[in-house]
């Protein structure tokens, strides 16, 4: 996790859009701004838990319920937050 904090602290915001440590898989997921832009052009949304991209809110919601064990109502709220963040990002 300290590597993730270091990457966030060192980036000036021009390259890295998102960095996260996915403890379930033991890996670091780094999303560049270019990669985030590429997905947003096609209307794909990232999962707020693991950073994977999906085609729309319903797919993200179902992924969170099935893969992360998130309650349906919480998954709905997570999708709303991700959609709002993508609007602010673009």
N, C-alpha and C. Protein backbone atom coordinates (compact mmCIF):
# COMPACT_ATOMS: atom_id res chain seq x y z
N UNK A 1 0.82 -1.20 0.00
CA UNK A 1 0.00 0.00 0.00
C UNK A 1 0.86 1.26 0.00
N UNK A 2 2.06 1.18 0.55
CA UNK A 2 2.90 2.37 0.57
C UNK A 2 3.32 2.77 -0.85
N UNK A 3 3.43 1.81 -1.75
CA UNK A 3 3.75 2.12 -3.15
C UNK A 3 2.61 2.93 -3.77
N UNK A 4 1.39 2.54 -3.47
CA UNK A 4 0.23 3.26 -3.99
C UNK A 4 0.25 4.70 -3.49
N UNK A 5 0.50 4.90 -2.21
CA UNK A 5 0.54 6.26 -1.65
C UNK A 5 1.68 7.06 -2.29
N UNK A 6 2.80 6.43 -2.52
CA UNK A 6 3.93 7.11 -3.15
C UNK A 6 3.58 7.56 -4.58
N UNK A 7 2.93 6.67 -5.36
CA UNK A 7 2.53 7.02 -6.72
C UNK A 7 1.56 8.19 -6.73
N UNK A 8 0.62 8.18 -5.81
CA UNK A 8 -0.36 9.27 -5.73
C UNK A 8 0.34 10.57 -5.36
N UNK A 9 1.26 10.52 -4.41
CA UNK A 9 1.94 11.73 -3.95
C UNK A 9 2.88 12.30 -5.01
N UNK A 10 3.52 11.43 -5.82
CA UNK A 10 4.52 11.89 -6.79
C UNK A 10 3.92 12.38 -8.10
N UNK A 11 2.74 11.89 -8.47
CA UNK A 11 2.16 12.28 -9.75
C UNK A 11 1.59 13.68 -9.66
N UNK A 12 1.84 14.48 -10.68
CA UNK A 12 1.32 15.85 -10.70
C UNK A 12 -0.08 15.95 -11.30
N UNK A 13 -0.70 14.81 -11.56
CA UNK A 13 -2.05 14.79 -12.11
C UNK A 13 -2.12 14.73 -13.61
N UNK A 14 -0.97 14.67 -14.26
CA UNK A 14 -0.99 14.69 -15.72
C UNK A 14 -0.99 13.30 -16.35
N UNK A 15 -0.65 12.27 -15.58
CA UNK A 15 -0.56 10.92 -16.15
C UNK A 15 -1.53 9.95 -15.49
N UNK A 16 -1.49 9.87 -14.17
CA UNK A 16 -2.26 8.85 -13.44
C UNK A 16 -3.65 9.37 -13.10
N UNK A 17 -4.68 8.61 -13.49
CA UNK A 17 -6.06 8.96 -13.16
C UNK A 17 -6.51 8.26 -11.89
N UNK A 18 -6.00 7.03 -11.67
CA UNK A 18 -6.44 6.24 -10.51
C UNK A 18 -5.37 5.21 -10.16
N UNK A 19 -5.11 5.05 -8.87
CA UNK A 19 -4.22 4.01 -8.37
C UNK A 19 -4.91 3.37 -7.19
N UNK A 20 -4.93 2.04 -7.18
CA UNK A 20 -5.56 1.36 -6.04
C UNK A 20 -4.87 0.03 -5.78
N UNK A 21 -4.90 -0.38 -4.53
CA UNK A 21 -4.40 -1.68 -4.12
C UNK A 21 -5.60 -2.59 -3.95
N UNK A 22 -5.66 -3.65 -4.74
CA UNK A 22 -6.78 -4.60 -4.66
C UNK A 22 -6.30 -5.76 -3.80
N UNK A 23 -6.66 -5.70 -2.53
CA UNK A 23 -6.19 -6.69 -1.57
C UNK A 23 -6.61 -8.11 -1.87
N UNK A 24 -7.80 -8.29 -2.43
CA UNK A 24 -8.30 -9.63 -2.74
C UNK A 24 -7.36 -10.36 -3.69
N UNK A 25 -6.82 -9.63 -4.65
CA UNK A 25 -5.93 -10.22 -5.64
C UNK A 25 -4.46 -9.93 -5.35
N UNK A 26 -4.20 -9.05 -4.38
CA UNK A 26 -2.83 -8.70 -4.02
C UNK A 26 -2.09 -7.96 -5.12
N UNK A 27 -2.79 -7.10 -5.86
CA UNK A 27 -2.13 -6.40 -6.95
C UNK A 27 -2.45 -4.91 -6.90
N UNK A 28 -1.63 -4.14 -7.58
CA UNK A 28 -1.83 -2.70 -7.71
C UNK A 28 -2.40 -2.43 -9.10
N UNK A 29 -3.49 -1.69 -9.16
CA UNK A 29 -4.12 -1.34 -10.43
C UNK A 29 -3.87 0.15 -10.67
N UNK A 30 -3.19 0.45 -11.77
CA UNK A 30 -2.89 1.84 -12.14
C UNK A 30 -3.64 2.14 -13.44
N UNK A 31 -4.45 3.18 -13.42
CA UNK A 31 -5.17 3.60 -14.62
C UNK A 31 -4.64 4.97 -15.03
N UNK A 32 -4.15 5.05 -16.24
CA UNK A 32 -3.65 6.33 -16.76
C UNK A 32 -4.82 7.18 -17.24
N UNK A 33 -4.59 8.45 -17.38
CA UNK A 33 -5.64 9.35 -17.90
C UNK A 33 -6.03 8.95 -19.32
N UNK A 34 -5.04 8.55 -20.11
CA UNK A 34 -5.32 8.10 -21.48
C UNK A 34 -6.26 6.89 -21.47
N UNK A 35 -6.00 5.92 -20.59
CA UNK A 35 -6.82 4.72 -20.49
C UNK A 35 -8.25 5.08 -20.02
N UNK A 36 -8.34 5.98 -19.05
CA UNK A 36 -9.64 6.41 -18.54
C UNK A 36 -10.42 7.12 -19.65
N UNK A 37 -9.75 7.99 -20.40
CA UNK A 37 -10.41 8.69 -21.52
C UNK A 37 -10.91 7.70 -22.56
N UNK A 38 -10.08 6.71 -22.88
CA UNK A 38 -10.45 5.71 -23.89
C UNK A 38 -11.74 5.00 -23.49
N UNK A 39 -11.84 4.59 -22.22
CA UNK A 39 -13.05 3.90 -21.76
C UNK A 39 -14.25 4.85 -21.72
N UNK A 40 -14.03 6.09 -21.30
CA UNK A 40 -15.16 7.02 -21.19
C UNK A 40 -15.77 7.35 -22.55
N UNK A 41 -14.97 7.33 -23.61
CA UNK A 41 -15.49 7.55 -24.97
C UNK A 41 -16.55 6.51 -25.31
N UNK A 42 -16.38 5.30 -24.83
CA UNK A 42 -17.31 4.21 -25.11
C UNK A 42 -18.37 4.04 -24.02
N UNK A 43 -18.41 4.96 -23.06
CA UNK A 43 -19.43 4.92 -22.02
C UNK A 43 -19.19 3.87 -20.95
N UNK A 44 -17.97 3.41 -20.83
CA UNK A 44 -17.65 2.39 -19.83
C UNK A 44 -17.37 3.06 -18.48
N UNK A 45 -17.78 2.38 -17.43
CA UNK A 45 -17.60 2.89 -16.07
C UNK A 45 -16.70 1.95 -15.28
N UNK A 46 -15.86 2.51 -14.40
CA UNK A 46 -15.00 1.66 -13.57
C UNK A 46 -15.72 1.20 -12.31
N UNK A 47 -15.38 0.01 -11.86
CA UNK A 47 -15.84 -0.47 -10.56
C UNK A 47 -15.08 0.29 -9.49
N UNK A 48 -15.79 0.81 -8.50
CA UNK A 48 -15.14 1.58 -7.44
C UNK A 48 -14.34 0.70 -6.49
N UNK A 49 -14.55 -0.61 -6.56
CA UNK A 49 -13.83 -1.54 -5.69
C UNK A 49 -12.51 -1.99 -6.29
N UNK A 50 -12.51 -2.37 -7.57
CA UNK A 50 -11.32 -2.99 -8.16
C UNK A 50 -10.76 -2.25 -9.38
N UNK A 51 -11.53 -1.31 -9.94
CA UNK A 51 -11.03 -0.54 -11.07
C UNK A 51 -11.30 -1.14 -12.44
N UNK A 52 -11.90 -2.32 -12.51
CA UNK A 52 -12.25 -2.91 -13.82
C UNK A 52 -13.34 -2.06 -14.46
N UNK A 53 -13.34 -2.03 -15.81
CA UNK A 53 -14.33 -1.24 -16.54
C UNK A 53 -15.44 -2.12 -17.08
N UNK A 54 -16.66 -1.55 -17.12
CA UNK A 54 -17.83 -2.28 -17.59
C UNK A 54 -18.70 -1.37 -18.46
N UNK A 55 -19.52 -1.99 -19.29
CA UNK A 55 -20.41 -1.25 -20.19
C UNK A 55 -21.66 -0.80 -19.45
N UNK A 56 -21.58 0.32 -18.79
CA UNK A 56 -22.74 0.91 -18.15
C UNK A 56 -22.91 0.56 -16.68
N UNK A 57 -23.81 1.31 -16.06
CA UNK A 57 -24.06 1.18 -14.63
C UNK A 57 -24.59 -0.16 -14.19
N UNK A 58 -25.48 -0.74 -14.98
CA UNK A 58 -26.06 -2.03 -14.61
C UNK A 58 -24.98 -3.10 -14.50
N UNK A 59 -24.06 -3.10 -15.45
CA UNK A 59 -22.99 -4.10 -15.43
C UNK A 59 -22.08 -3.91 -14.23
N UNK A 60 -21.78 -2.65 -13.89
CA UNK A 60 -20.95 -2.37 -12.70
C UNK A 60 -21.68 -2.85 -11.45
N UNK A 61 -22.96 -2.53 -11.36
CA UNK A 61 -23.76 -2.92 -10.20
C UNK A 61 -23.79 -4.44 -10.02
N UNK A 62 -24.03 -5.16 -11.10
CA UNK A 62 -24.08 -6.62 -11.01
C UNK A 62 -22.71 -7.20 -10.66
N UNK A 63 -21.65 -6.63 -11.21
CA UNK A 63 -20.29 -7.06 -10.89
C UNK A 63 -20.02 -6.89 -9.40
N UNK A 64 -20.39 -5.74 -8.85
CA UNK A 64 -20.14 -5.49 -7.43
C UNK A 64 -20.91 -6.45 -6.54
N UNK A 65 -22.14 -6.73 -6.92
CA UNK A 65 -22.96 -7.66 -6.12
C UNK A 65 -22.38 -9.07 -6.19
N UNK A 66 -22.06 -9.53 -7.40
CA UNK A 66 -21.61 -10.91 -7.58
C UNK A 66 -20.14 -11.13 -7.20
N UNK A 67 -19.27 -10.21 -7.54
CA UNK A 67 -17.83 -10.40 -7.31
C UNK A 67 -17.35 -9.89 -5.96
N UNK A 68 -17.94 -8.79 -5.50
CA UNK A 68 -17.44 -8.18 -4.27
C UNK A 68 -18.38 -8.39 -3.08
N UNK A 69 -19.55 -8.98 -3.33
CA UNK A 69 -20.49 -9.24 -2.24
C UNK A 69 -21.14 -7.97 -1.70
N UNK A 70 -21.17 -6.93 -2.52
CA UNK A 70 -21.78 -5.67 -2.12
C UNK A 70 -23.30 -5.81 -2.12
N UNK A 71 -23.95 -5.24 -1.14
CA UNK A 71 -25.42 -5.24 -1.12
C UNK A 71 -25.93 -4.45 -2.32
N UNK A 72 -27.07 -4.87 -2.87
CA UNK A 72 -27.61 -4.26 -4.08
C UNK A 72 -27.79 -2.75 -3.92
N UNK A 73 -28.36 -2.33 -2.81
CA UNK A 73 -28.61 -0.90 -2.58
C UNK A 73 -27.29 -0.12 -2.53
N UNK A 74 -26.27 -0.68 -1.89
CA UNK A 74 -24.97 -0.03 -1.83
C UNK A 74 -24.32 0.03 -3.21
N UNK A 75 -24.49 -1.04 -3.99
CA UNK A 75 -23.95 -1.07 -5.35
C UNK A 75 -24.60 0.01 -6.21
N UNK A 76 -25.90 0.23 -6.03
CA UNK A 76 -26.59 1.29 -6.77
C UNK A 76 -25.98 2.66 -6.44
N UNK A 77 -25.74 2.89 -5.16
CA UNK A 77 -25.15 4.16 -4.74
C UNK A 77 -23.72 4.30 -5.28
N UNK A 78 -22.96 3.22 -5.28
CA UNK A 78 -21.61 3.26 -5.82
C UNK A 78 -21.62 3.65 -7.30
N UNK A 79 -22.56 3.10 -8.05
CA UNK A 79 -22.66 3.41 -9.48
C UNK A 79 -23.01 4.88 -9.68
N UNK A 80 -23.93 5.40 -8.88
CA UNK A 80 -24.28 6.82 -8.97
C UNK A 80 -23.06 7.70 -8.72
N UNK A 81 -22.27 7.32 -7.73
CA UNK A 81 -21.06 8.09 -7.42
C UNK A 81 -20.05 8.02 -8.56
N UNK A 82 -19.87 6.83 -9.14
CA UNK A 82 -18.92 6.67 -10.25
C UNK A 82 -19.39 7.47 -11.46
N UNK A 83 -20.69 7.43 -11.74
CA UNK A 83 -21.22 8.21 -12.87
C UNK A 83 -20.97 9.70 -12.66
N UNK A 84 -21.18 10.18 -11.44
CA UNK A 84 -20.96 11.58 -11.13
C UNK A 84 -19.49 11.93 -11.26
N UNK A 85 -18.61 11.06 -10.78
CA UNK A 85 -17.18 11.31 -10.89
C UNK A 85 -16.75 11.38 -12.34
N UNK A 86 -17.33 10.52 -13.19
CA UNK A 86 -16.95 10.52 -14.61
C UNK A 86 -17.41 11.82 -15.28
N UNK A 87 -18.54 12.36 -14.87
CA UNK A 87 -19.00 13.63 -15.42
C UNK A 87 -18.01 14.74 -15.03
N UNK A 88 -17.57 14.74 -13.78
CA UNK A 88 -16.62 15.75 -13.32
C UNK A 88 -15.26 15.56 -13.99
N UNK A 89 -14.88 14.31 -14.25
CA UNK A 89 -13.58 14.01 -14.85
C UNK A 89 -13.53 14.50 -16.29
N UNK A 90 -14.62 14.29 -17.02
CA UNK A 90 -14.63 14.66 -18.44
C UNK A 90 -15.04 16.09 -18.54
